[in-house]
C-alpha cells in the first residue's frame, strides 16, 4: 500500500482515538447522571451531541484500524518469524 495512505491513516487513527477519548471523558465527568443532567451543556453541546461525537469517532476508529491492519499486513504476517529468529529458536 502507498506510504502516503499509511501515514494519513495513522494520523487519522490517532485523531479519532483522541476525539473518542476526550468525548468519553466529557461524557463520564462533565455531565451529571439522571434527569438533572439532561439540559446541561459543555462547550455548547448537550449529552446527546457528545454521545453522537463519541459514537462516530468510534466507528471511524474501527474502520481505520481495519485499514491499518490491511496496510501493515505484510509486517504482521512476518512478525512471528522475525521474533522467533531474534529469540534464537
Protein backbone atom coordinates (compact mmCIF):
# COMPACT_ATOMS: atom_id res chain seq x y z
CA UNK A 1 0.00 0.00 0.00
CA UNK A 2 1.12 3.53 -0.74
CA UNK A 3 3.22 5.07 2.10
CA UNK A 4 1.16 8.28 1.92
CA UNK A 5 -2.00 6.29 2.62
CA UNK A 6 -0.28 4.62 5.57
CA UNK A 7 0.78 7.95 7.06
CA UNK A 8 -2.62 9.55 6.52
CA UNK A 9 -4.44 6.55 8.01
CA UNK A 10 -2.09 6.56 11.03
CA UNK A 11 -2.67 10.27 11.64
CA UNK A 12 -6.44 9.89 11.28
CA UNK A 13 -6.32 6.87 13.59
CA UNK A 14 -4.59 8.95 16.27
CA UNK A 15 -7.04 11.84 15.82
CA UNK A 16 -10.10 9.58 16.02
CA UNK A 17 -8.68 7.94 19.14
CA UNK A 18 -8.16 11.33 20.78
CA UNK A 19 -11.66 12.51 19.86
CA UNK A 20 -13.11 9.30 21.24
CA UNK A 21 -11.08 9.53 24.45
CA UNK A 22 -11.90 13.21 25.02
CA UNK A 23 -15.61 12.76 24.31
CA UNK A 24 -15.66 9.72 26.59
CA UNK A 25 -14.10 11.73 29.39
CA UNK A 26 -16.57 14.56 28.82
CA UNK A 27 -19.47 12.12 28.96
CA UNK A 28 -18.12 10.48 32.10
CA UNK A 29 -17.14 13.55 34.13
CA UNK A 30 -18.87 16.65 32.74
CA UNK A 31 -22.49 15.50 32.90
CA UNK A 32 -24.48 14.60 35.99
CA UNK A 33 -26.35 11.31 35.73
CA UNK A 34 -30.09 11.31 35.87
CA UNK A 35 -32.76 13.79 34.85
CA UNK A 36 -30.90 16.84 36.17
CA UNK A 37 -28.09 16.33 33.66
CA UNK A 38 -30.32 16.29 30.59
CA UNK A 39 -30.28 20.03 29.99
CA UNK A 40 -26.61 20.61 30.81
CA UNK A 41 -24.23 21.91 28.16
CA UNK A 42 -20.48 21.51 27.85
CA UNK A 43 -18.79 23.60 25.14
CA UNK A 44 -22.28 24.43 23.81
CA UNK A 45 -23.10 20.74 23.28
CA UNK A 46 -25.51 18.60 25.27
CA UNK A 47 -25.14 14.99 26.33
CA UNK A 48 -26.77 13.63 23.15
CA UNK A 49 -24.45 15.58 20.87
CA UNK A 50 -21.42 14.32 22.84
CA UNK A 51 -22.81 10.78 22.52
CA UNK A 52 -23.06 11.22 18.75
CA UNK A 53 -19.50 12.55 18.52
CA UNK A 54 -18.28 9.64 20.64
CA UNK A 55 -20.17 7.08 18.55
CA UNK A 56 -18.99 8.47 15.21
CA UNK A 57 -15.38 8.73 16.43
CA UNK A 58 -15.51 5.09 17.50
CA UNK A 59 -16.93 3.94 14.15
CA UNK A 60 -14.22 5.88 12.31
CA UNK A 61 -11.61 4.40 14.66
CA UNK A 62 -12.78 0.83 13.94
CA UNK A 63 -12.72 1.43 10.18
CA UNK A 64 -9.23 2.96 10.39
CA UNK A 65 -7.96 0.04 12.49
CA UNK A 66 -9.12 -2.29 9.71
CA UNK A 67 -7.33 -0.13 7.13
CA UNK A 68 -4.25 -0.12 9.37
CA UNK A 69 -4.23 -3.93 9.53
CA UNK A 70 -4.61 -4.15 5.75
CA UNK A 71 -1.82 -1.61 5.18
CA UNK A 72 0.58 -3.38 7.53
CA UNK A 73 -0.47 -6.96 6.78
CA UNK A 74 2.97 -7.98 5.49
CA UNK A 75 4.59 -6.71 8.69
CA UNK A 76 2.01 -8.52 10.82
CA UNK A 77 2.44 -11.70 8.79
CA UNK A 78 6.25 -11.69 9.16
CA UNK A 79 6.37 -10.65 12.83
CA UNK A 80 6.24 -14.18 14.35
CA UNK A 81 9.07 -15.33 12.12
CA UNK A 82 11.23 -12.31 12.95
CA UNK A 83 10.53 -12.63 16.67
CA UNK A 84 11.36 -16.32 16.52
CA UNK A 85 14.72 -15.55 14.87
CA UNK A 86 15.54 -12.86 17.45
CA UNK A 87 14.90 -15.26 20.31
CA UNK A 88 17.28 -17.77 18.73
CA UNK A 89 14.78 -20.61 18.50
